[in-house]
């Protein structure tokens, strides 16, 4: 195969990989949005399911990244065409949008954690107060049968 045909094949393969990567990044972004909604609604088991789905996609993306790096090494950066540049730009855009969405989810989950911690502290205070009351033998209006 001559150099020009090899270059075209590598370029086409790279575009295919970038396109597949974009599709998976869009899925990842949609899952990040679902995760944020689940965090807002306090659906923590749904968050766990989403995290599992995201982990699968992340593994695929790592494979894509390795393949893309290998192909880019074969291609000269001056031969990068507009389609490749657009695909790369979209990959970066999707990745950044997912990071922003994840940061929003972290804030929501942090707030939920803080609420739960405060509720546990209040419960502990109530528990101690109730136990103190029950331990006290003489209460101001204790019941007596000797009226």
N, C-alpha and C. Protein backbone atom coordinates (compact mmCIF):
# COMPACT_ATOMS: atom_id res chain seq x y z
N UNK A 1 0.86 -1.17 0.00
CA UNK A 1 0.00 0.00 0.00
C UNK A 1 0.90 1.23 0.00
N UNK A 2 0.60 2.19 -0.83
CA UNK A 2 1.46 3.37 -0.88
C UNK A 2 1.19 4.29 0.30
N UNK A 3 2.08 5.25 0.48
CA UNK A 3 2.02 6.14 1.64
C UNK A 3 0.73 6.95 1.66
N UNK A 4 0.26 7.41 0.52
CA UNK A 4 -0.96 8.22 0.45
C UNK A 4 -2.19 7.42 0.87
N UNK A 5 -2.29 6.18 0.39
CA UNK A 5 -3.42 5.32 0.75
C UNK A 5 -3.37 4.96 2.23
N UNK A 6 -2.18 4.69 2.75
CA UNK A 6 -2.01 4.37 4.16
C UNK A 6 -2.40 5.57 5.03
N UNK A 7 -2.03 6.74 4.61
CA UNK A 7 -2.37 7.96 5.32
C UNK A 7 -3.89 8.16 5.35
N UNK A 8 -4.54 7.94 4.21
CA UNK A 8 -6.00 8.09 4.13
C UNK A 8 -6.69 7.07 5.03
N UNK A 9 -6.22 5.82 5.02
CA UNK A 9 -6.82 4.78 5.85
C UNK A 9 -6.66 5.11 7.33
N UNK A 10 -5.46 5.56 7.72
CA UNK A 10 -5.22 5.93 9.11
C UNK A 10 -6.09 7.12 9.51
N UNK A 11 -6.22 8.07 8.60
CA UNK A 11 -7.03 9.25 8.86
C UNK A 11 -8.50 8.87 9.03
N UNK A 12 -8.99 7.99 8.15
CA UNK A 12 -10.38 7.54 8.25
C UNK A 12 -10.61 6.76 9.55
N UNK A 13 -9.63 5.94 9.93
CA UNK A 13 -9.75 5.19 11.18
C UNK A 13 -9.79 6.14 12.37
N UNK A 14 -8.97 7.17 12.32
CA UNK A 14 -8.94 8.15 13.40
C UNK A 14 -10.28 8.87 13.50
N UNK A 15 -10.83 9.26 12.37
CA UNK A 15 -12.13 9.94 12.38
C UNK A 15 -13.20 9.01 12.95
N UNK A 16 -13.17 7.74 12.56
CA UNK A 16 -14.13 6.77 13.10
C UNK A 16 -14.01 6.63 14.61
N UNK A 17 -12.79 6.56 15.09
CA UNK A 17 -12.57 6.45 16.54
C UNK A 17 -13.04 7.71 17.27
N UNK A 18 -12.73 8.86 16.69
CA UNK A 18 -13.15 10.12 17.32
C UNK A 18 -14.67 10.23 17.35
N UNK A 19 -15.32 9.78 16.28
CA UNK A 19 -16.78 9.81 16.23
C UNK A 19 -17.37 8.89 17.29
N UNK A 20 -16.82 7.68 17.41
CA UNK A 20 -17.28 6.74 18.44
C UNK A 20 -17.03 7.30 19.84
N UNK A 21 -15.88 7.94 20.00
CA UNK A 21 -15.56 8.54 21.28
C UNK A 21 -16.57 9.64 21.63
N UNK A 22 -16.92 10.46 20.65
CA UNK A 22 -17.91 11.51 20.87
C UNK A 22 -19.26 10.92 21.29
N UNK A 23 -19.67 9.85 20.63
CA UNK A 23 -20.94 9.22 20.97
C UNK A 23 -20.93 8.73 22.42
N UNK A 24 -19.84 8.11 22.82
CA UNK A 24 -19.75 7.63 24.20
C UNK A 24 -19.64 8.78 25.19
N UNK A 25 -18.97 9.85 24.82
CA UNK A 25 -18.90 11.02 25.70
C UNK A 25 -20.27 11.67 25.85
N UNK A 26 -21.08 11.65 24.81
CA UNK A 26 -22.45 12.16 24.91
C UNK A 26 -23.27 11.30 25.86
N UNK A 27 -23.09 9.97 25.79
CA UNK A 27 -23.77 9.08 26.74
C UNK A 27 -23.31 9.39 28.16
N UNK A 28 -22.02 9.60 28.32
CA UNK A 28 -21.46 9.91 29.63
C UNK A 28 -22.04 11.22 30.18
N UNK A 29 -22.15 12.21 29.33
CA UNK A 29 -22.73 13.49 29.74
C UNK A 29 -24.20 13.31 30.14
N UNK A 30 -24.95 12.54 29.37
CA UNK A 30 -26.36 12.30 29.72
C UNK A 30 -26.47 11.57 31.06
N UNK A 31 -25.59 10.60 31.28
CA UNK A 31 -25.59 9.91 32.57
C UNK A 31 -25.21 10.86 33.70
N UNK A 32 -24.28 11.76 33.45
CA UNK A 32 -23.90 12.75 34.47
C UNK A 32 -25.09 13.64 34.82
N UNK A 33 -25.87 13.99 33.82
CA UNK A 33 -27.08 14.80 34.07
C UNK A 33 -28.11 14.01 34.87
N UNK A 34 -28.28 12.73 34.53
CA UNK A 34 -29.19 11.87 35.28
C UNK A 34 -28.72 11.73 36.73
N UNK A 35 -27.42 11.63 36.90
CA UNK A 35 -26.84 11.50 38.23
C UNK A 35 -27.11 12.75 39.07
N UNK A 36 -26.98 13.91 38.45
CA UNK A 36 -27.26 15.16 39.15
C UNK A 36 -28.73 15.21 39.57
N UNK A 37 -29.62 14.81 38.67
CA UNK A 37 -31.05 14.80 38.99
C UNK A 37 -31.33 13.81 40.13
N UNK A 38 -30.71 12.64 40.08
CA UNK A 38 -30.91 11.66 41.15
C UNK A 38 -30.38 12.20 42.48
N UNK A 39 -29.26 12.91 42.45
CA UNK A 39 -28.72 13.50 43.68
C UNK A 39 -29.66 14.57 44.21
N UNK A 40 -30.22 15.37 43.32
CA UNK A 40 -31.16 16.42 43.72
C UNK A 40 -32.40 15.80 44.37
N UNK A 41 -32.83 14.63 43.86
CA UNK A 41 -34.03 13.97 44.36
C UNK A 41 -33.73 13.01 45.51
N UNK A 42 -32.45 12.85 45.85
CA UNK A 42 -32.07 11.96 46.94
C UNK A 42 -32.21 10.48 46.61
N UNK A 43 -32.13 10.13 45.34
CA UNK A 43 -32.24 8.73 44.90
C UNK A 43 -30.84 8.12 44.82
N UNK A 44 -30.33 7.72 45.96
CA UNK A 44 -28.93 7.31 46.05
C UNK A 44 -28.67 5.94 45.42
N UNK A 45 -29.66 5.04 45.42
CA UNK A 45 -29.45 3.76 44.75
C UNK A 45 -29.38 3.94 43.24
N UNK A 46 -30.15 4.89 42.73
CA UNK A 46 -30.07 5.19 41.29
C UNK A 46 -28.69 5.74 40.95
N UNK A 47 -28.13 6.55 41.82
CA UNK A 47 -26.78 7.09 41.61
C UNK A 47 -25.78 5.95 41.49
N UNK A 48 -25.91 4.94 42.34
CA UNK A 48 -24.99 3.80 42.28
C UNK A 48 -25.11 3.07 40.94
N UNK A 49 -26.34 2.91 40.44
CA UNK A 49 -26.54 2.27 39.13
C UNK A 49 -25.88 3.09 38.03
N UNK A 50 -26.05 4.41 38.09
CA UNK A 50 -25.49 5.30 37.08
C UNK A 50 -23.96 5.26 37.13
N UNK A 51 -23.41 5.23 38.33
CA UNK A 51 -21.95 5.18 38.47
C UNK A 51 -21.40 3.91 37.80
N UNK A 52 -22.12 2.81 37.93
CA UNK A 52 -21.69 1.55 37.28
C UNK A 52 -21.70 1.70 35.77
N UNK A 53 -22.77 2.29 35.23
CA UNK A 53 -22.85 2.52 33.78
C UNK A 53 -21.72 3.43 33.31
N UNK A 54 -21.47 4.47 34.08
CA UNK A 54 -20.41 5.40 33.71
C UNK A 54 -19.04 4.73 33.73
N UNK A 55 -18.83 3.81 34.65
CA UNK A 55 -17.55 3.10 34.73
C UNK A 55 -17.32 2.27 33.47
N UNK A 56 -18.38 1.64 32.96
CA UNK A 56 -18.26 0.86 31.72
C UNK A 56 -17.86 1.76 30.55
N UNK A 57 -18.53 2.88 30.43
CA UNK A 57 -18.23 3.81 29.34
C UNK A 57 -16.81 4.35 29.48
N UNK A 58 -16.39 4.62 30.70
CA UNK A 58 -15.04 5.14 30.93
C UNK A 58 -13.98 4.14 30.48
N UNK A 59 -14.22 2.85 30.74
CA UNK A 59 -13.28 1.83 30.27
C UNK A 59 -13.20 1.84 28.74
N UNK A 60 -14.34 1.97 28.07
CA UNK A 60 -14.33 2.04 26.60
C UNK A 60 -13.58 3.28 26.13
N UNK A 61 -13.78 4.40 26.80
CA UNK A 61 -13.11 5.64 26.42
C UNK A 61 -11.60 5.53 26.58
N UNK A 62 -11.15 4.82 27.60
CA UNK A 62 -9.71 4.63 27.78
C UNK A 62 -9.13 3.84 26.61
N UNK A 63 -9.86 2.84 26.15
CA UNK A 63 -9.41 2.05 24.99
C UNK A 63 -9.36 2.93 23.75
N UNK A 64 -10.42 3.73 23.56
CA UNK A 64 -10.43 4.66 22.42
C UNK A 64 -9.21 5.56 22.46
N UNK A 65 -8.92 6.08 23.65
CA UNK A 65 -7.82 7.03 23.78
C UNK A 65 -6.49 6.39 23.40
N UNK A 66 -6.29 5.14 23.78
CA UNK A 66 -5.06 4.45 23.41
C UNK A 66 -4.98 4.28 21.89
N UNK A 67 -6.08 3.87 21.28
CA UNK A 67 -6.10 3.67 19.83
C UNK A 67 -5.90 4.99 19.10
N UNK A 68 -6.52 6.04 19.59
CA UNK A 68 -6.38 7.36 18.97
C UNK A 68 -4.94 7.84 19.06
N UNK A 69 -4.32 7.64 20.21
CA UNK A 69 -2.92 8.06 20.37
C UNK A 69 -2.02 7.33 19.39
N UNK A 70 -2.26 6.04 19.21
CA UNK A 70 -1.45 5.27 18.27
C UNK A 70 -1.63 5.79 16.84
N UNK A 71 -2.88 6.03 16.46
CA UNK A 71 -3.13 6.52 15.10
C UNK A 71 -2.58 7.92 14.88
N UNK A 72 -2.72 8.77 15.89
CA UNK A 72 -2.20 10.13 15.75
C UNK A 72 -0.69 10.12 15.60
N UNK A 73 -0.04 9.15 16.24
CA UNK A 73 1.39 9.02 16.09
C UNK A 73 1.79 8.68 14.66
N UNK A 74 0.92 7.92 13.99
CA UNK A 74 1.18 7.55 12.59
C UNK A 74 0.94 8.73 11.65
N UNK A 75 0.03 9.61 12.05
CA UNK A 75 -0.33 10.73 11.19
C UNK A 75 0.51 11.95 11.54
N UNK A 76 0.82 12.71 10.57
CA UNK A 76 1.52 13.97 10.77
C UNK A 76 0.48 15.01 11.17
N UNK A 77 0.75 15.82 12.18
CA UNK A 77 -0.24 16.81 12.64
C UNK A 77 -0.60 17.80 11.54
N UNK A 78 0.27 17.99 10.58
CA UNK A 78 -0.05 18.92 9.48
C UNK A 78 -1.09 18.32 8.55
N UNK A 79 -1.26 17.01 8.60
CA UNK A 79 -2.25 16.35 7.76
C UNK A 79 -3.62 16.26 8.42
N UNK A 80 -3.75 16.79 9.61
CA UNK A 80 -5.03 16.74 10.30
C UNK A 80 -6.04 17.59 9.54
N UNK A 81 -7.15 16.98 9.16
CA UNK A 81 -8.14 17.71 8.37
C UNK A 81 -9.21 18.34 9.26
N UNK A 82 -10.09 19.08 8.64
CA UNK A 82 -11.12 19.81 9.38
C UNK A 82 -12.06 18.88 10.14
N UNK A 83 -12.38 17.73 9.57
CA UNK A 83 -13.26 16.79 10.25
C UNK A 83 -12.62 16.31 11.54
N UNK A 84 -11.33 16.00 11.49
CA UNK A 84 -10.62 15.56 12.69
C UNK A 84 -10.60 16.68 13.73
N UNK A 85 -10.31 17.89 13.30
CA UNK A 85 -10.26 19.02 14.24
C UNK A 85 -11.63 19.23 14.88
N UNK A 86 -12.70 19.12 14.10
CA UNK A 86 -14.05 19.28 14.65
C UNK A 86 -14.37 18.18 15.66
N UNK A 87 -13.98 16.96 15.32
CA UNK A 87 -14.23 15.84 16.23
C UNK A 87 -13.44 16.01 17.52
N UNK A 88 -12.21 16.42 17.41
CA UNK A 88 -11.38 16.64 18.61
C UNK A 88 -11.99 17.77 19.45
N UNK A 89 -12.44 18.83 18.80
CA UNK A 89 -13.05 19.95 19.52
C UNK A 89 -14.30 19.49 20.26
N UNK A 90 -15.10 18.62 19.61
CA UNK A 90 -16.32 18.11 20.24
C UNK A 90 -15.98 17.22 21.43
N UNK A 91 -14.95 16.41 21.31
CA UNK A 91 -14.51 15.56 22.41
C UNK A 91 -14.15 16.43 23.62
N UNK A 92 -13.39 17.47 23.39
CA UNK A 92 -12.97 18.36 24.48
C UNK A 92 -14.20 19.05 25.08
N UNK A 93 -15.10 19.51 24.23
CA UNK A 93 -16.31 20.18 24.71
C UNK A 93 -17.15 19.25 25.58
N UNK A 94 -17.37 18.02 25.12
CA UNK A 94 -18.17 17.06 25.89
C UNK A 94 -17.50 16.71 27.21
N UNK A 95 -16.20 16.53 27.17
CA UNK A 95 -15.47 16.22 28.41
C UNK A 95 -15.60 17.37 29.41
N UNK A 96 -15.47 18.59 28.96
CA UNK A 96 -15.59 19.75 29.85
C UNK A 96 -17.01 19.88 30.40
N UNK A 97 -18.01 19.64 29.58
CA UNK A 97 -19.40 19.71 30.04
C UNK A 97 -19.67 18.65 31.09
N UNK A 98 -19.10 17.47 30.91
CA UNK A 98 -19.28 16.39 31.89
C UNK A 98 -18.61 16.75 33.21
N UNK A 99 -17.44 17.35 33.14
CA UNK A 99 -16.75 17.77 34.37
C UNK A 99 -17.58 18.80 35.13
N UNK A 100 -18.14 19.76 34.42
CA UNK A 100 -18.98 20.78 35.06
C UNK A 100 -20.19 20.12 35.72
N UNK A 101 -20.82 19.18 35.00
CA UNK A 101 -21.98 18.47 35.55
C UNK A 101 -21.60 17.68 36.79
N UNK A 102 -20.45 17.01 36.75
CA UNK A 102 -19.99 16.23 37.90
C UNK A 102 -19.70 17.12 39.10
N UNK A 103 -19.17 18.31 38.87
CA UNK A 103 -18.91 19.23 39.98
C UNK A 103 -20.22 19.66 40.63
N UNK A 104 -21.25 19.86 39.82
CA UNK A 104 -22.57 20.21 40.36
C UNK A 104 -23.11 19.06 41.21
N UNK A 105 -22.95 17.84 40.72
CA UNK A 105 -23.41 16.67 41.48
C UNK A 105 -22.66 16.55 42.79
N UNK A 106 -21.35 16.80 42.78
CA UNK A 106 -20.56 16.73 44.02
C UNK A 106 -21.11 17.70 45.06
N UNK A 107 -21.47 18.91 44.61
CA UNK A 107 -22.03 19.88 45.54
C UNK A 107 -23.34 19.37 46.15
N UNK A 108 -24.20 18.80 45.31
CA UNK A 108 -25.47 18.27 45.81
C UNK A 108 -25.26 17.12 46.79
N UNK A 109 -24.34 16.22 46.45
CA UNK A 109 -24.08 15.09 47.34
C UNK A 109 -23.42 15.55 48.64
N UNK A 110 -22.57 16.55 48.56
CA UNK A 110 -21.97 17.10 49.77
C UNK A 110 -23.02 17.71 50.68
N UNK A 111 -23.98 18.42 50.08
CA UNK A 111 -25.06 19.01 50.87
C UNK A 111 -25.91 17.91 51.51
N UNK A 112 -26.18 16.84 50.78
CA UNK A 112 -26.95 15.71 51.34
C UNK A 112 -26.20 15.07 52.50
N UNK A 113 -24.89 14.91 52.33
CA UNK A 113 -24.07 14.33 53.40
C UNK A 113 -24.12 15.22 54.64
N UNK A 114 -24.00 16.54 54.44
CA UNK A 114 -24.02 17.47 55.57
C UNK A 114 -25.38 17.45 56.28
N UNK A 115 -26.47 17.36 55.50
CA UNK A 115 -27.81 17.26 56.08
C UNK A 115 -27.94 16.01 56.92
N UNK A 116 -27.46 14.89 56.38
CA UNK A 116 -27.53 13.62 57.11
C UNK A 116 -26.71 13.68 58.39
N UNK A 117 -25.54 14.28 58.33
CA UNK A 117 -24.69 14.40 59.53
C UNK A 117 -25.39 15.25 60.59
N UNK A 118 -26.02 16.34 60.17
CA UNK A 118 -26.74 17.20 61.12
C UNK A 118 -27.92 16.46 61.73
N UNK A 119 -28.64 15.71 60.90
CA UNK A 119 -29.78 14.94 61.41
C UNK A 119 -29.31 13.90 62.41
N UNK A 120 -28.17 13.26 62.14
CA UNK A 120 -27.64 12.28 63.09
C UNK A 120 -27.23 12.94 64.41
N UNK A 121 -26.65 14.13 64.33
CA UNK A 121 -26.28 14.85 65.56
C UNK A 121 -27.52 15.19 66.37
N UNK A 122 -28.57 15.65 65.69
CA UNK A 122 -29.81 15.98 66.39
C UNK A 122 -30.44 14.73 67.01
N UNK A 123 -30.37 13.63 66.30
CA UNK A 123 -30.89 12.37 66.81
C UNK A 123 -30.11 11.94 68.05
N UNK A 124 -28.79 12.10 68.00
CA UNK A 124 -27.95 11.73 69.14
C UNK A 124 -28.27 12.60 70.36
N UNK A 125 -28.47 13.90 70.14
CA UNK A 125 -28.84 14.80 71.24
C UNK A 125 -30.18 14.39 71.84
N UNK A 126 -31.13 14.07 70.99
CA UNK A 126 -32.45 13.63 71.47
C UNK A 126 -32.33 12.34 72.25
N UNK A 127 -31.52 11.43 71.76
CA UNK A 127 -31.31 10.14 72.41
C UNK A 127 -30.72 10.35 73.82
N UNK A 128 -29.70 11.20 73.92
CA UNK A 128 -29.09 11.48 75.22
C UNK A 128 -30.08 12.16 76.16
N UNK A 129 -30.84 13.09 75.64
CA UNK A 129 -31.84 13.78 76.46
C UNK A 129 -32.91 12.83 76.96
N UNK A 130 -33.38 11.97 76.10
CA UNK A 130 -34.41 11.00 76.49
C UNK A 130 -33.87 10.03 77.53
N UNK A 131 -32.66 9.55 77.31
CA UNK A 131 -32.05 8.63 78.30
C UNK A 131 -31.86 9.31 79.65
N UNK A 132 -31.45 10.56 79.64
CA UNK A 132 -31.27 11.30 80.89
C UNK A 132 -32.61 11.44 81.61
N UNK A 133 -33.65 11.72 80.87
CA UNK A 133 -34.98 11.87 81.45
C UNK A 133 -35.45 10.54 82.06
N UNK A 134 -35.24 9.45 81.32
CA UNK A 134 -35.70 8.15 81.79
C UNK A 134 -34.89 7.66 83.00
N UNK A 135 -33.63 8.05 83.11
CA UNK A 135 -32.80 7.65 84.25
C UNK A 135 -33.19 8.39 85.53
N UNK A 136 -33.72 9.56 85.37
CA UNK A 136 -34.07 10.40 86.53
C UNK A 136 -35.23 9.75 87.27
N UNK A 137 -34.99 9.40 88.52
CA UNK A 137 -36.00 8.71 89.33
C UNK A 137 -37.08 9.63 89.85
N UNK A 138 -36.70 10.85 90.21
CA UNK A 138 -37.67 11.79 90.79
C UNK A 138 -37.95 12.86 89.77
N UNK A 139 -39.18 12.89 89.39
CA UNK A 139 -39.60 13.93 88.47
C UNK A 139 -40.60 14.80 89.22
N UNK A 140 -40.66 16.02 88.92
CA UNK A 140 -41.51 16.97 89.65
C UNK A 140 -42.92 16.49 89.90
N UNK A 141 -43.53 15.80 89.00
CA UNK A 141 -44.92 15.35 89.17
C UNK A 141 -45.00 13.83 89.10
N UNK A 142 -44.18 13.15 89.84
CA UNK A 142 -44.16 11.70 89.81
C UNK A 142 -45.48 11.18 90.34
N UNK A 143 -45.93 10.10 89.80
CA UNK A 143 -47.20 9.47 90.17
C UNK A 143 -47.02 8.76 91.51
N UNK A 144 -47.96 8.97 92.41
CA UNK A 144 -47.92 8.31 93.69
C UNK A 144 -49.32 7.83 94.03
N UNK A 145 -49.46 6.64 94.56
CA UNK A 145 -50.77 6.11 94.92
C UNK A 145 -51.16 6.57 96.34
N UNK A 146 -50.31 7.25 97.00
CA UNK A 146 -50.57 7.67 98.39
C UNK A 146 -51.11 9.09 98.45
N UNK A 147 -52.20 9.38 97.83
CA UNK A 147 -52.77 10.71 97.91
C UNK A 147 -53.53 10.88 99.17
